[in-house]
Amino acid sequence: MGAVSREELANLKHLDVAGLGGRTLRMLPVWDGENWSHWIDGPDGRLIQIKIMDAAHSLYLTKTVAARESDLWIPIIEIVWQRLSYPELVPFLSAIEDDFHLLAASAAKLEHLHSTRAGADEGLMASFVRSEIEYMLVVTRSIFDLLQEVISRFWNDSVKLLNESDQALKKRNRMPTTFAKVAFASDKPQNAAALIAKYALPPLVAAQYEKHAPFFASLRVSRDRIIHGNSSVGHIFVTDKGFAVSPQSRPYGSFPWTKEHYYNDNIVSLMPWISRVVFQTLEACTEIIHSFGSTIQFPDEIAPGYRVLLRDPANGALLRLHEAAQGKRVWWNPVATT
């Protein structure tokens, strides 16, 4: 097939181009269960179909099962791509996607470090692990703020409330673009009633901010202590089963450790704690964006009926972290391959 316009592409039933409504169409590969399709921008605003053999490190669309078992469905990515792909929001979507690629890479690095620990200097190995944990704290903290950028800009600029007094309040008190400035006031968590009174947020949305503020606060404290140089993720122990920490040390003391997590009487597996950092971040952001979608009328999907999946060669490691979050895995051993 040669070049086609975006309107003509709509007739191919891959994308609801006619329903973009001012949104930006970021073309993604499409998996139909057997073959890949993809289009790129060509001359004069027309699209050119190209043949690809596979997707390596990207988002893609499908109505069938995932092309690979390790391909991930990240709800916040799908919702923003499908419904909130406005020009001013697309860069934040790309940044959120990139953060999940980075988290997958860090999870794979930890597996690699464990599998290659034999013969390595134990102190150096522990330093490698510390650097990855500190980085993952920075990245998960970033996801909250990137999602807040999307939500606040859409809320402030595109949403009109039916109640005139609520709309006036919303215009007077624009929602901040950072999560902390919404969820906290003078470093104290805001309850739902305060958020409703200040920003005219729907009660369900305000309740989600209140619910997830404590976890965000723990991430923020850990990340800020690391960034500002007055703390670290503590001593890392290198064991035959995986990496371990003291359950009483900062920042691990508040985690609900169980007897299954213990390597001996003094140290516990680091894996469940890391999995909580990653997947509670995902859960919090998913519930917040879903609360908006259930109370605010989002634009129609760009690609109705399609799922947006994340392809990354390191996704297997992230899925094994998810097993730890579900209580199905505690240690890195036996070593798994991505």
Protein backbone atom coordinates (compact mmCIF):
# COMPACT_ATOMS: atom_id res chain seq x y z
CA MET A 1 0.00 0.00 0.00
CA GLY A 2 1.29 3.49 -0.81
CA ALA A 3 0.84 6.76 1.05
CA VAL A 4 -2.55 7.48 2.58
CA SER A 5 -4.03 10.37 4.47
CA ARG A 6 -4.89 10.06 8.14
CA GLU A 7 -8.56 10.22 7.19
CA GLU A 8 -8.12 7.35 4.73
CA LEU A 9 -6.33 5.37 7.39
CA ALA A 10 -9.48 5.59 9.50
CA ASN A 11 -11.23 3.47 6.90
CA LEU A 12 -8.74 0.68 7.58
CA LYS A 13 -10.41 0.31 11.00
CA HIS A 14 -7.13 0.59 12.87
CA LEU A 15 -7.68 4.04 14.30
CA ASP A 16 -10.61 6.35 14.89
CA VAL A 17 -8.80 9.25 13.23
CA ALA A 18 -12.01 11.17 12.63
CA GLY A 19 -12.58 11.27 16.38
CA LEU A 20 -9.24 12.78 17.37
CA GLY A 21 -10.85 16.08 18.39
CA GLY A 22 -7.63 18.08 18.59
CA ARG A 23 -5.56 15.22 19.92
CA THR A 24 -2.23 14.16 18.47
CA LEU A 25 -2.00 10.79 16.73
CA ARG A 26 1.21 9.05 17.72
CA MET A 27 1.38 6.09 15.38
CA LEU A 28 2.02 2.72 17.03
CA PRO A 29 2.69 -0.71 15.52
CA VAL A 30 -0.39 -2.94 15.30
CA TRP A 31 -0.29 -6.69 16.04
CA ASP A 32 -3.21 -8.63 14.53
CA GLY A 33 -2.27 -11.98 16.03
CA GLU A 34 -0.11 -13.03 13.09
CA ASN A 35 1.50 -9.99 11.49
CA TRP A 36 2.64 -6.47 12.27
CA SER A 37 1.44 -3.28 10.58
CA HIS A 38 2.94 0.17 10.98
CA TRP A 39 2.69 3.62 9.40
CA ILE A 40 5.10 6.55 9.42
CA ASP A 41 4.68 10.19 8.48
CA GLY A 42 5.38 10.88 4.83
CA PRO A 43 5.35 13.92 2.53
CA ASP A 44 2.45 16.37 2.62
CA GLY A 45 1.08 15.00 5.86
CA ARG A 46 0.33 11.59 4.33
CA LEU A 47 1.14 8.27 5.97
CA ILE A 48 3.24 5.51 4.48
CA GLN A 49 2.84 1.89 5.50
CA ILE A 50 6.08 0.07 6.19
CA LYS A 51 6.70 -3.61 6.78
CA ILE A 52 8.20 -4.54 10.14
CA MET A 53 9.14 -7.99 11.33
CA ASP A 54 8.75 -7.30 15.05
CA ALA A 55 8.63 -4.59 17.70
CA ALA A 56 11.61 -4.44 20.03
CA HIS A 57 11.23 -1.57 22.50
CA SER A 58 7.94 0.28 22.10
CA LEU A 59 4.23 0.51 22.66
CA TYR A 60 1.95 -1.32 20.26
CA LEU A 61 -1.75 -1.91 19.64
CA THR A 62 -3.59 -5.21 19.55
CA LYS A 63 -7.10 -6.63 19.72
CA THR A 64 -5.76 -10.16 20.18
CA VAL A 65 -3.53 -11.73 22.79
CA ALA A 66 -0.13 -10.15 23.39
CA ALA A 67 2.47 -10.88 20.74
CA ARG A 68 4.79 -12.01 23.52
CA GLU A 69 3.87 -13.24 27.01
CA SER A 70 6.13 -10.64 28.64
CA ASP A 71 4.43 -7.69 26.91
CA LEU A 72 2.84 -5.54 29.59
CA TRP A 73 -0.47 -3.76 29.86
CA ILE A 74 0.11 -0.55 31.83
CA PRO A 75 -3.35 1.00 32.39
CA ILE A 76 -2.16 4.59 32.85
CA ILE A 77 -0.27 4.45 29.55
CA GLU A 78 -3.26 3.05 27.68
CA ILE A 79 -5.71 5.58 29.13
CA VAL A 80 -3.50 8.57 28.35
CA TRP A 81 -2.67 7.37 24.81
CA GLN A 82 -6.27 6.41 23.98
CA ARG A 83 -8.07 9.37 25.51
CA LEU A 84 -5.70 12.20 26.45
CA SER A 85 -3.24 12.44 23.56
CA TYR A 86 -3.36 16.20 23.31
CA PRO A 87 -0.20 17.89 21.96
CA GLU A 88 0.69 19.39 25.33
CA LEU A 89 0.27 16.02 27.10
CA VAL A 90 2.04 13.67 24.68
CA PRO A 91 5.55 14.46 26.03
CA PHE A 92 4.44 13.38 29.51
CA LEU A 93 3.03 10.13 28.14
CA SER A 94 6.36 9.45 26.45
CA ALA A 95 8.15 10.15 29.72
CA ILE A 96 5.85 7.78 31.66
CA GLU A 97 6.46 5.07 29.06
CA ASP A 98 10.20 5.65 29.32
CA ASP A 99 10.07 5.35 33.12
CA PHE A 100 8.53 1.88 32.86
CA HIS A 101 11.23 0.89 30.38
CA LEU A 102 13.80 2.10 32.91
CA LEU A 103 12.17 0.19 35.77
CA ALA A 104 12.24 -2.98 33.66
CA ALA A 105 15.92 -2.39 32.91
CA SER A 106 16.71 -1.91 36.61
CA ALA A 107 14.83 -5.11 37.51
CA ALA A 108 16.85 -6.98 34.86
CA LYS A 109 20.10 -5.48 36.16
CA LEU A 110 19.36 -6.79 39.64
CA GLU A 111 18.79 -10.27 38.22
CA HIS A 112 22.02 -10.00 36.25
CA LEU A 113 23.95 -8.85 39.31
CA HIS A 114 22.67 -11.80 41.30
CA SER A 115 23.51 -14.29 38.54
CA THR A 116 27.07 -12.92 38.16
CA ARG A 117 27.88 -12.42 41.84
CA ALA A 118 30.32 -15.36 41.99
CA GLY A 119 33.87 -14.10 41.85
CA ALA A 120 32.83 -10.45 42.17
CA ASP A 121 33.90 -8.24 45.05
CA GLU A 122 31.01 -8.35 47.53
CA GLY A 123 31.38 -4.71 48.49
CA LEU A 124 31.33 -3.60 44.86
CA MET A 125 28.31 -5.83 44.16
CA ALA A 126 26.45 -4.26 47.11
CA SER A 127 27.25 -0.79 45.72
CA PHE A 128 25.86 -1.78 42.33
CA VAL A 129 22.62 -2.91 43.98
CA ARG A 130 22.36 0.25 46.09
CA SER A 131 22.68 2.42 43.01
CA GLU A 132 19.84 0.56 41.27
CA ILE A 133 17.55 0.79 44.29
CA GLU A 134 18.20 4.50 44.66
CA TYR A 135 17.50 4.97 40.95
CA MET A 136 14.24 3.02 41.13
CA LEU A 137 13.08 5.27 43.98
CA VAL A 138 13.79 8.32 41.83
CA VAL A 139 11.95 6.85 38.83
CA THR A 140 8.83 5.77 40.76
CA ARG A 141 8.65 9.18 42.39
CA SER A 142 8.85 10.69 38.90
CA ILE A 143 5.87 8.67 37.63
CA PHE A 144 3.57 10.32 40.19
CA ASP A 145 4.57 13.79 39.02
CA LEU A 146 4.36 12.93 35.31
CA LEU A 147 0.84 11.60 35.77
CA GLN A 148 -0.05 14.69 37.81
CA GLU A 149 1.17 16.87 34.93
CA VAL A 150 -1.29 15.07 32.63
CA ILE A 151 -4.19 15.19 35.07
CA SER A 152 -3.73 18.80 36.14
CA ARG A 153 -3.35 20.16 32.61
CA PHE A 154 -6.41 18.27 31.39
CA TRP A 155 -8.42 19.28 34.49
CA ASN A 156 -7.39 22.93 34.38
CA ASP A 157 -7.69 23.54 30.65
CA SER A 158 -10.21 21.05 29.25
CA VAL A 159 -12.76 20.24 31.96
CA LYS A 160 -15.81 22.42 32.59
CA LEU A 161 -17.94 21.61 35.62
CA LEU A 162 -21.70 21.87 35.31
CA ASN A 163 -22.11 23.50 38.71
CA GLU A 164 -21.25 27.18 38.25
CA SER A 165 -19.89 27.73 41.75
CA ASP A 166 -17.68 24.63 41.44
CA GLN A 167 -16.46 25.83 38.05
CA ALA A 168 -15.62 29.24 39.50
CA LEU A 169 -13.70 27.57 42.34
CA LYS A 170 -11.85 25.35 39.87
CA LYS A 171 -10.81 28.36 37.79
CA ARG A 172 -9.76 30.29 40.88
CA ASN A 173 -7.66 27.45 42.34
CA ARG A 174 -5.89 25.71 39.48
CA MET A 175 -4.68 22.23 40.33
CA PRO A 176 -0.87 22.12 40.74
CA THR A 177 1.27 20.09 38.34
CA THR A 178 3.12 18.20 41.10
CA PHE A 179 1.55 15.45 43.18
CA ALA A 180 2.94 16.74 46.47
CA LYS A 181 1.36 20.18 46.06
CA VAL A 182 -2.04 18.56 45.61
CA ALA A 183 -1.87 15.86 48.27
CA PHE A 184 -0.06 17.88 50.96
CA ALA A 185 -0.31 21.26 52.63
CA SER A 186 2.57 22.36 54.86
CA ASP A 187 3.93 18.80 54.55
CA LYS A 188 0.74 17.34 56.01
CA PRO A 189 -1.55 15.06 53.94
CA GLN A 190 -4.77 16.69 52.77
CA ASN A 191 -7.97 14.78 53.40
CA ALA A 192 -10.59 14.40 50.69
CA ALA A 193 -12.84 17.10 52.13
CA ALA A 194 -10.02 19.66 51.98
CA LEU A 195 -9.24 18.78 48.36
CA ILE A 196 -12.90 19.10 47.38
CA ALA A 197 -13.15 22.47 49.11
CA LYS A 198 -9.98 23.80 47.49
CA TYR A 199 -10.10 22.45 43.93
CA ALA A 200 -13.74 21.34 43.48
CA LEU A 201 -12.49 17.82 42.80
CA PRO A 202 -15.09 15.06 42.51
CA PRO A 203 -15.30 13.15 45.83
CA LEU A 204 -14.07 9.89 44.28
CA VAL A 205 -10.99 11.60 42.88
CA ALA A 206 -10.23 13.40 46.13
CA ALA A 207 -10.56 10.12 48.03
CA GLN A 208 -7.91 8.52 45.81
CA TYR A 209 -5.45 11.33 46.50
CA GLU A 210 -6.06 10.91 50.22
CA LYS A 211 -5.70 7.13 49.99
CA HIS A 212 -2.36 7.15 48.19
CA ALA A 213 -0.73 10.16 49.87
CA PRO A 214 0.94 8.06 52.64
CA PHE A 215 2.69 5.77 50.16
CA PHE A 216 3.75 8.74 48.04
CA ALA A 217 5.09 10.40 51.19
CA SER A 218 7.26 7.36 51.93
CA LEU A 219 8.66 7.48 48.40
CA ARG A 220 9.26 11.21 48.62
CA VAL A 221 11.08 10.97 51.96
CA SER A 222 13.33 8.15 50.75
CA ARG A 223 14.04 9.85 47.45
CA ASP A 224 14.68 13.28 49.00
CA ARG A 225 17.05 11.88 51.61
CA ILE A 226 19.03 10.20 48.87
CA ILE A 227 19.04 13.16 46.47
CA HIS A 228 20.07 15.61 49.19
CA GLY A 229 22.79 13.30 50.42
CA ASN A 230 21.83 12.73 54.05
CA SER A 231 20.75 9.11 53.73
CA SER A 232 20.97 5.98 51.57
CA VAL A 233 19.15 2.70 51.04
CA GLY A 234 21.28 1.09 53.74
CA HIS A 235 23.64 -1.85 53.71
CA ILE A 236 23.01 -4.55 51.11
CA PHE A 237 23.86 -8.16 51.95
CA VAL A 238 24.80 -10.46 49.06
CA THR A 239 23.51 -14.00 49.67
CA ASP A 240 23.16 -17.19 47.66
CA LYS A 241 19.38 -16.58 47.37
CA GLY A 242 19.54 -12.92 46.47
CA PHE A 243 20.10 -9.49 47.96
CA ALA A 244 19.02 -8.81 51.53
CA VAL A 245 18.70 -5.95 54.01
CA SER A 246 18.11 -5.44 57.69
CA PRO A 247 14.34 -5.18 58.30
CA GLN A 248 14.93 -2.56 61.00
CA SER A 249 17.03 -0.22 58.86
CA ARG A 250 15.84 2.81 56.93
CA PRO A 251 13.87 2.79 54.65
CA TYR A 252 12.70 -0.81 55.22
CA GLY A 253 11.36 -0.63 58.77
CA SER A 254 7.73 0.07 57.88
CA PHE A 255 7.40 -2.84 55.43
CA PRO A 256 5.13 -5.70 56.61
CA TRP A 257 7.82 -8.39 56.74
CA THR A 258 6.73 -12.00 57.23
CA LYS A 259 8.68 -15.10 58.25
CA GLU A 260 8.94 -16.18 54.60
CA HIS A 261 11.01 -13.07 53.85
CA TYR A 262 13.81 -13.89 56.32
CA TYR A 263 17.15 -15.30 55.21
CA ASN A 264 18.17 -15.71 58.83
CA ASP A 265 17.27 -14.03 62.12
CA ASN A 266 18.77 -10.70 61.04
CA ILE A 267 18.18 -10.05 57.34
CA VAL A 268 15.31 -10.27 54.85
CA SER A 269 14.98 -10.43 51.08
CA LEU A 270 15.10 -7.07 49.32
CA MET A 271 12.86 -8.33 46.50
CA PRO A 272 9.44 -7.93 48.19
CA TRP A 273 10.27 -4.37 49.21
CA ILE A 274 11.37 -3.43 45.67
CA SER A 275 8.26 -5.02 44.19
CA ARG A 276 6.09 -2.96 46.53
CA VAL A 277 7.82 0.27 45.44
CA VAL A 278 7.18 -0.47 41.76
CA PHE A 279 3.72 -2.00 41.84
CA GLN A 280 2.17 0.16 44.53
CA THR A 281 3.23 3.12 42.40
CA LEU A 282 1.44 1.52 39.45
CA GLU A 283 -1.62 0.72 41.55
CA ALA A 284 -1.84 4.24 42.96
CA CYS A 285 -1.52 5.96 39.58
CA THR A 286 -4.00 3.54 37.99
CA GLU A 287 -6.63 4.15 40.67
CA ILE A 288 -6.18 7.92 40.45
CA ILE A 289 -6.55 8.07 36.66
CA HIS A 290 -9.48 5.62 36.77
CA SER A 291 -11.23 7.81 39.35
CA PHE A 292 -10.99 10.74 36.93
CA GLY A 293 -12.26 8.64 34.05
CA SER A 294 -15.26 7.42 36.06
CA THR A 295 -16.35 10.93 37.09
CA ILE A 296 -15.11 13.16 34.24
CA GLN A 297 -16.11 12.49 30.64
CA PHE A 298 -12.88 11.69 28.81
CA PRO A 299 -12.75 11.92 25.01
CA ASP A 300 -13.54 8.73 23.10
CA GLU A 301 -10.78 6.21 22.48
CA ILE A 302 -8.57 6.87 19.46
CA ALA A 303 -8.39 3.14 18.71
CA PRO A 304 -11.63 1.60 20.04
CA GLY A 305 -11.27 -1.97 21.24
CA TYR A 306 -7.48 -2.01 21.11
CA ARG A 307 -5.15 -2.59 24.03
CA VAL A 308 -1.91 -0.63 24.29
CA LEU A 309 0.93 -2.92 25.36
CA LEU A 310 4.51 -2.17 26.37
CA ARG A 311 7.27 -4.22 24.70
CA ASP A 312 10.68 -4.29 26.37
CA PRO A 313 13.36 -7.01 26.36
CA ALA A 314 13.62 -6.65 30.15
CA ASN A 315 9.90 -7.08 30.86
CA GLY A 316 10.42 -10.62 32.14
CA ALA A 317 12.34 -9.26 35.11
CA LEU A 318 9.55 -6.81 35.86
CA LEU A 319 7.00 -9.64 35.73
CA ARG A 320 9.06 -11.61 38.24
CA LEU A 321 9.00 -8.59 40.51
CA HIS A 322 5.22 -8.67 40.12
CA GLU A 323 5.26 -12.26 41.33
CA ALA A 324 7.00 -10.99 44.46
CA ALA A 325 4.32 -8.34 44.88
CA GLN A 326 1.72 -11.13 44.76
CA GLY A 327 3.59 -13.22 47.31
CA LYS A 328 4.51 -15.88 44.74
CA ARG A 329 8.25 -15.17 44.86
CA VAL A 330 10.57 -14.00 47.61
CA TRP A 331 14.12 -14.42 46.28
CA TRP A 332 16.01 -14.01 43.01
CA ASN A 333 17.10 -17.64 43.21
CA PRO A 334 16.63 -19.70 41.14
CA VAL A 335 18.05 -17.32 38.60
CA ALA A 336 15.52 -16.58 35.86
CA THR A 337 16.34 -15.38 32.38
CA THR A 338 14.57 -12.50 30.68
